[in-house]
Amino acid sequence: MDKKHLIRASKRLSRHLRHAPGDIGITLTSDGWVEVETLLAALARHGTRLSRAQLDEVVEGNDKRRFASDESGLRIRVGQGHSVDVDLELPAATPPDVLYHGTVSRFLDAILREGLRPMKRHAVHLSATTETARAVGARRGVPVLLTAAVPPEFLRRLP
């Protein structure tokens, strides 16, 4: 599969596994999984024909490691960024004292006025490193990095 088709397929998979499974008639389990064959059949019914080999190529070729397969290879899910309600069963972790948010200058006035807001997502994207935050911001233009201090009282509430 050429790079253009690989990216297009990755975006389509991400959309349906993160945000709109119902648009193609699939239902995710409570922890975000769907049977690969169910997904491929649903995509085909809605105009996207992918073979299992092509799906595997998309999963393996994703530079952000966005997709995960279960041990059997029969199910697939996305590991983060859902706007649909799923429980990824991720372990609780203590964040570093400082986190970073990557954005672009056109959003800066609104952020300074209203604070960081998740918009259509469940949470605001914060990064542990400036490199990651810069890469996130650069997707929309010249990145601007904001520093977010984690309040000590938040740290005490973590399990």
Protein backbone atom coordinates (compact mmCIF):
# COMPACT_ATOMS: atom_id res chain seq x y z
CA MET A 1 0.00 0.00 0.00
CA ASP A 2 1.45 3.40 -0.90
CA LYS A 3 1.94 6.05 1.79
CA LYS A 4 -1.10 8.10 0.73
CA HIS A 5 -3.45 5.11 1.05
CA LEU A 6 -1.78 4.02 4.28
CA ILE A 7 -2.44 7.43 5.85
CA ARG A 8 -6.02 7.55 4.54
CA ALA A 9 -6.76 4.08 5.95
CA SER A 10 -5.15 4.99 9.28
CA LYS A 11 -7.31 8.10 9.60
CA ARG A 12 -10.46 6.19 8.71
CA LEU A 13 -9.66 3.49 11.27
CA SER A 14 -8.86 6.08 13.93
CA ARG A 15 -12.12 7.90 13.30
CA HIS A 16 -14.25 4.81 13.68
CA LEU A 17 -12.32 3.22 16.55
CA ARG A 18 -12.02 6.49 18.51
CA HIS A 19 -15.03 8.61 17.71
CA ALA A 20 -17.71 7.11 15.49
CA PRO A 21 -17.99 3.32 15.59
CA GLY A 22 -21.75 3.56 15.05
CA ASP A 23 -21.28 5.33 11.71
CA ILE A 24 -20.22 2.01 10.20
CA GLY A 25 -22.39 -0.15 12.42
CA ILE A 26 -19.82 -1.51 14.85
CA THR A 27 -19.94 -1.57 18.63
CA LEU A 28 -16.80 -1.41 20.73
CA THR A 29 -16.51 -3.47 23.89
CA SER A 30 -16.38 -1.52 27.15
CA ASP A 31 -12.58 -1.56 26.89
CA GLY A 32 -12.50 -0.44 23.25
CA TRP A 33 -11.98 -3.70 21.33
CA VAL A 34 -13.72 -4.85 18.14
CA GLU A 35 -13.29 -8.09 16.21
CA VAL A 36 -11.03 -7.55 13.19
CA GLU A 37 -13.38 -9.41 10.84
CA THR A 38 -16.34 -7.34 12.07
CA LEU A 39 -14.38 -4.14 11.46
CA LEU A 40 -13.22 -5.16 7.97
CA ALA A 41 -16.75 -6.19 6.95
CA ALA A 42 -18.23 -2.93 8.28
CA LEU A 43 -15.61 -0.85 6.46
CA ALA A 44 -16.31 -2.74 3.22
CA ARG A 45 -20.05 -2.08 3.55
CA HIS A 46 -19.22 1.62 3.80
CA GLY A 47 -16.84 1.86 0.86
CA THR A 48 -13.45 1.08 2.36
CA ARG A 49 -12.10 -2.29 1.30
CA LEU A 50 -9.11 -3.41 3.33
CA SER A 51 -7.66 -6.89 3.40
CA ARG A 52 -6.35 -8.33 6.64
CA ALA A 53 -2.81 -7.88 5.30
CA GLN A 54 -3.49 -4.22 4.53
CA LEU A 55 -4.96 -3.69 8.00
CA ASP A 56 -1.85 -5.26 9.52
CA GLU A 57 0.28 -2.93 7.38
CA VAL A 58 -1.63 0.10 8.68
CA VAL A 59 -1.27 -1.06 12.29
CA GLU A 60 2.44 -1.86 11.99
CA GLY A 61 3.23 1.23 9.93
CA ASN A 62 1.60 3.74 12.24
CA ASP A 63 4.37 5.99 13.53
CA LYS A 64 2.37 6.91 16.64
CA ARG A 65 1.71 3.28 17.63
CA ARG A 66 -1.97 4.23 17.69
CA PHE A 67 -3.43 0.76 17.19
CA ALA A 68 -3.18 -2.38 19.29
CA SER A 69 -4.11 -5.99 18.64
CA ASP A 70 -4.93 -8.45 21.37
CA GLU A 71 -2.75 -11.52 21.98
CA SER A 72 -4.79 -13.64 19.56
CA GLY A 73 -4.65 -11.03 16.81
CA LEU A 74 -8.42 -11.33 16.41
CA ARG A 75 -9.32 -7.97 17.95
CA ILE A 76 -8.12 -4.39 17.46
CA ARG A 77 -8.48 -1.12 19.33
CA VAL A 78 -6.99 2.35 19.56
CA GLY A 79 -4.93 3.04 22.66
CA GLN A 80 -5.88 6.67 23.33
CA GLY A 81 -7.81 9.72 22.20
CA HIS A 82 -11.36 8.38 22.33
CA SER A 83 -14.38 10.65 22.37
CA VAL A 84 -16.63 7.63 22.92
CA ASP A 85 -16.76 6.18 26.40
CA VAL A 86 -14.25 3.33 26.85
CA ASP A 87 -12.20 2.12 29.79
CA LEU A 88 -8.73 1.22 28.55
CA GLU A 89 -7.87 -0.17 31.98
CA LEU A 90 -4.67 1.86 32.12
CA PRO A 91 -2.83 1.88 35.43
CA ALA A 92 -2.96 5.02 37.56
CA ALA A 93 0.27 6.99 37.42
CA THR A 94 1.67 10.01 39.19
CA PRO A 95 2.30 12.80 36.70
CA PRO A 96 5.53 14.79 36.73
CA ASP A 97 5.52 18.17 38.50
CA VAL A 98 5.36 19.96 35.13
CA LEU A 99 3.52 19.00 31.96
CA TYR A 100 3.47 20.72 28.56
CA HIS A 101 0.72 21.59 26.10
CA GLY A 102 1.48 22.14 22.43
CA THR A 103 -0.76 24.52 20.50
CA VAL A 104 -0.49 27.29 17.90
CA SER A 105 -0.64 31.07 18.35
CA ARG A 106 -4.17 31.47 16.93
CA PHE A 107 -5.56 29.58 19.98
CA LEU A 108 -3.42 31.35 22.57
CA ASP A 109 -5.81 34.24 23.37
CA ALA A 110 -8.72 31.83 24.00
CA ILE A 111 -6.54 29.58 26.15
CA LEU A 112 -5.30 32.51 28.23
CA ARG A 113 -8.87 33.79 28.60
CA GLU A 114 -10.70 30.47 29.21
CA GLY A 115 -7.96 28.05 30.23
CA LEU A 116 -7.16 24.74 28.60
CA ARG A 117 -10.36 22.95 27.61
CA PRO A 118 -10.81 19.46 26.13
CA MET A 119 -13.17 20.74 23.41
CA LYS A 120 -14.67 17.60 21.77
CA ARG A 121 -12.34 15.21 23.62
CA HIS A 122 -12.51 13.71 27.09
CA ALA A 123 -9.36 15.42 28.31
CA VAL A 124 -6.79 18.08 27.47
CA HIS A 125 -3.65 16.65 25.86
CA LEU A 126 -0.65 17.27 28.09
CA SER A 127 2.81 15.89 27.42
CA ALA A 128 5.64 14.91 29.72
CA THR A 129 8.28 16.37 27.39
CA THR A 130 8.68 19.54 25.40
CA GLU A 131 9.56 17.44 22.34
CA THR A 132 6.20 15.65 22.37
CA ALA A 133 4.27 18.87 23.04
CA ARG A 134 6.12 20.59 20.20
CA ALA A 135 5.22 17.75 17.81
CA VAL A 136 1.55 17.96 18.86
CA GLY A 137 1.44 21.73 18.32
CA ALA A 138 3.30 21.48 15.00
CA ARG A 139 0.43 19.49 13.46
CA ARG A 140 -1.46 22.79 13.10
CA GLY A 141 1.37 25.22 12.35
CA VAL A 142 4.25 26.80 14.22
CA PRO A 143 4.03 25.34 17.73
CA VAL A 144 3.62 27.35 20.92
CA LEU A 145 4.41 25.51 24.16
CA LEU A 146 2.59 26.11 27.41
CA THR A 147 3.75 24.84 30.77
CA ALA A 148 1.20 23.36 33.18
CA ALA A 149 2.20 22.89 36.80
CA VAL A 150 0.48 19.96 38.48
CA PRO A 151 -0.99 21.21 41.77
CA PRO A 152 0.27 19.30 44.83
CA GLU A 153 -3.32 18.67 46.02
CA PHE A 154 -3.99 16.79 42.76
CA LEU A 155 -1.02 14.51 43.41
CA ARG A 156 -2.39 13.59 46.83
CA ARG A 157 -5.70 12.46 45.30
CA LEU A 158 -4.15 9.90 42.99
CA PRO A 159 -4.61 6.26 44.04
